[in-house]
Amino acid sequence: MKVTNKSKALQGVHTKSGVQYIAPGDSVDVELTEAGLKGAKRLDFLVVGESKKADSDKK
């Protein structure tokens, strides 16, 4: 899952392999936990979407 940090501060998300920090303006491709996904989606400054790998798997 692709997560983008739109804030001006370092942000962390809970992945299946631990906490992944995302620098301001950066995007990461991670496998979020169920709770991590729920938490990330409720924050306006984190944009959660499908990963590029998931998009290419559909083709």
N, C-alpha and C. Protein backbone atom coordinates (compact mmCIF):
# COMPACT_ATOMS: atom_id res chain seq x y z
N MET A 1 0.84 -1.15 0.00
CA MET A 1 0.00 0.00 0.00
C MET A 1 0.90 1.23 0.00
N LYS A 2 0.57 2.20 -0.83
CA LYS A 2 1.36 3.43 -0.90
C LYS A 2 0.81 4.44 0.11
N VAL A 3 1.71 5.00 0.92
CA VAL A 3 1.34 6.02 1.90
C VAL A 3 2.21 7.25 1.65
N THR A 4 1.56 8.41 1.52
CA THR A 4 2.26 9.68 1.29
C THR A 4 2.05 10.60 2.48
N ASN A 5 3.13 11.21 2.93
CA ASN A 5 3.09 12.15 4.05
C ASN A 5 3.00 13.57 3.50
N LYS A 6 1.85 14.22 3.66
CA LYS A 6 1.66 15.59 3.19
C LYS A 6 1.95 16.63 4.28
N SER A 7 2.35 16.20 5.46
CA SER A 7 2.62 17.15 6.55
C SER A 7 4.03 17.72 6.43
N LYS A 8 4.35 18.66 7.30
CA LYS A 8 5.68 19.25 7.33
C LYS A 8 6.58 18.57 8.36
N ALA A 9 6.10 17.49 8.95
CA ALA A 9 6.85 16.78 9.99
C ALA A 9 6.97 15.29 9.65
N LEU A 10 7.97 14.65 10.21
CA LEU A 10 8.15 13.21 10.07
C LEU A 10 6.94 12.50 10.68
N GLN A 11 6.40 11.51 9.99
CA GLN A 11 5.24 10.76 10.47
C GLN A 11 5.56 9.27 10.44
N GLY A 12 4.93 8.52 11.32
CA GLY A 12 5.14 7.08 11.37
C GLY A 12 3.84 6.33 11.14
N VAL A 13 3.94 5.18 10.48
CA VAL A 13 2.78 4.30 10.28
C VAL A 13 3.16 2.91 10.79
N HIS A 14 2.16 2.17 11.24
CA HIS A 14 2.39 0.83 11.78
C HIS A 14 2.26 -0.20 10.66
N THR A 15 3.38 -0.85 10.34
CA THR A 15 3.40 -1.87 9.30
C THR A 15 3.54 -3.24 9.94
N LYS A 16 3.42 -4.27 9.14
CA LYS A 16 3.55 -5.64 9.65
C LYS A 16 4.97 -5.94 10.11
N SER A 17 5.95 -5.13 9.69
CA SER A 17 7.33 -5.34 10.13
C SER A 17 7.79 -4.30 11.14
N GLY A 18 6.86 -3.49 11.65
CA GLY A 18 7.20 -2.47 12.65
C GLY A 18 6.81 -1.08 12.16
N VAL A 19 7.24 -0.08 12.91
CA VAL A 19 6.91 1.31 12.56
C VAL A 19 7.80 1.76 11.40
N GLN A 20 7.18 2.36 10.39
CA GLN A 20 7.90 2.92 9.24
C GLN A 20 7.70 4.43 9.28
N TYR A 21 8.81 5.17 9.31
CA TYR A 21 8.72 6.62 9.34
C TYR A 21 8.77 7.16 7.91
N ILE A 22 7.99 8.22 7.67
CA ILE A 22 7.88 8.81 6.34
C ILE A 22 8.25 10.29 6.46
N ALA A 23 9.25 10.71 5.71
CA ALA A 23 9.68 12.11 5.71
C ALA A 23 8.61 12.99 5.06
N PRO A 24 8.58 14.27 5.40
CA PRO A 24 7.61 15.18 4.78
C PRO A 24 7.71 15.16 3.26
N GLY A 25 6.57 14.98 2.59
CA GLY A 25 6.52 14.96 1.13
C GLY A 25 6.87 13.63 0.49
N ASP A 26 7.34 12.67 1.25
CA ASP A 26 7.74 11.37 0.71
C ASP A 26 6.59 10.37 0.69
N SER A 27 6.75 9.35 -0.14
CA SER A 27 5.81 8.23 -0.21
C SER A 27 6.58 6.94 0.01
N VAL A 28 5.93 5.98 0.65
CA VAL A 28 6.52 4.66 0.85
C VAL A 28 5.51 3.59 0.47
N ASP A 29 6.01 2.46 0.05
CA ASP A 29 5.18 1.30 -0.27
C ASP A 29 5.33 0.33 0.89
N VAL A 30 4.28 0.14 1.69
CA VAL A 30 4.36 -0.67 2.90
C VAL A 30 3.14 -1.59 3.01
N GLU A 31 3.28 -2.60 3.86
CA GLU A 31 2.18 -3.49 4.19
C GLU A 31 1.71 -3.12 5.59
N LEU A 32 0.62 -2.35 5.66
CA LEU A 32 0.11 -1.86 6.94
C LEU A 32 -0.63 -2.94 7.70
N THR A 33 -0.57 -2.85 9.03
CA THR A 33 -1.42 -3.70 9.85
C THR A 33 -2.85 -3.18 9.72
N GLU A 34 -3.81 -3.95 10.20
CA GLU A 34 -5.21 -3.51 10.16
C GLU A 34 -5.37 -2.22 10.96
N ALA A 35 -4.79 -2.18 12.15
CA ALA A 35 -4.86 -0.97 12.99
C ALA A 35 -4.08 0.18 12.35
N GLY A 36 -2.95 -0.13 11.73
CA GLY A 36 -2.15 0.90 11.07
C GLY A 36 -2.89 1.54 9.91
N LEU A 37 -3.62 0.73 9.15
CA LEU A 37 -4.41 1.24 8.03
C LEU A 37 -5.52 2.14 8.55
N LYS A 38 -6.21 1.69 9.58
CA LYS A 38 -7.29 2.48 10.17
C LYS A 38 -6.75 3.82 10.68
N GLY A 39 -5.62 3.79 11.36
CA GLY A 39 -5.03 5.01 11.89
C GLY A 39 -4.57 5.96 10.79
N ALA A 40 -3.94 5.42 9.76
CA ALA A 40 -3.44 6.25 8.67
C ALA A 40 -4.59 6.91 7.90
N LYS A 41 -5.67 6.18 7.70
CA LYS A 41 -6.81 6.72 6.94
C LYS A 41 -7.52 7.85 7.68
N ARG A 42 -7.43 7.88 8.99
CA ARG A 42 -8.14 8.93 9.73
C ARG A 42 -7.34 10.23 9.81
N LEU A 43 -6.10 10.21 9.39
CA LEU A 43 -5.25 11.40 9.43
C LEU A 43 -5.24 12.10 8.07
N ASP A 44 -5.63 13.37 8.06
CA ASP A 44 -5.74 14.13 6.81
C ASP A 44 -4.40 14.30 6.09
N PHE A 45 -3.30 14.31 6.84
CA PHE A 45 -2.00 14.56 6.23
C PHE A 45 -1.33 13.30 5.67
N LEU A 46 -1.96 12.13 5.84
CA LEU A 46 -1.46 10.91 5.21
C LEU A 46 -2.42 10.49 4.11
N VAL A 47 -1.88 10.27 2.92
CA VAL A 47 -2.69 9.81 1.80
C VAL A 47 -2.39 8.33 1.60
N VAL A 48 -3.43 7.51 1.68
CA VAL A 48 -3.28 6.06 1.56
C VAL A 48 -3.91 5.62 0.25
N GLY A 49 -3.15 4.86 -0.55
CA GLY A 49 -3.66 4.37 -1.82
C GLY A 49 -3.02 3.05 -2.17
N GLU A 50 -3.39 2.53 -3.32
CA GLU A 50 -2.83 1.27 -3.80
C GLU A 50 -1.38 1.47 -4.20
N SER A 51 -0.58 0.46 -4.01
CA SER A 51 0.83 0.53 -4.40
C SER A 51 0.95 0.38 -5.90
N LYS A 52 2.08 0.82 -6.44
CA LYS A 52 2.33 0.67 -7.87
C LYS A 52 2.39 -0.81 -8.24
N LYS A 53 2.92 -1.64 -7.33
CA LYS A 53 2.99 -3.08 -7.57
C LYS A 53 1.59 -3.65 -7.71
N ALA A 54 0.67 -3.25 -6.84
CA ALA A 54 -0.71 -3.74 -6.91
C ALA A 54 -1.36 -3.29 -8.21
N ASP A 55 -1.06 -2.06 -8.65
CA ASP A 55 -1.61 -1.57 -9.90
C ASP A 55 -1.09 -2.39 -11.08
N SER A 56 0.20 -2.74 -11.07
CA SER A 56 0.77 -3.50 -12.18
C SER A 56 0.29 -4.94 -12.19
N ASP A 57 -0.08 -5.48 -11.02
CA ASP A 57 -0.60 -6.84 -10.94
C ASP A 57 -1.96 -6.96 -11.62
N LYS A 58 -2.70 -5.86 -11.70
CA LYS A 58 -4.03 -5.88 -12.29
C LYS A 58 -4.00 -5.92 -13.81
N LYS A 59 -2.85 -5.55 -14.40
CA LYS A 59 -2.74 -5.48 -15.87
C LYS A 59 -2.47 -6.82 -16.47
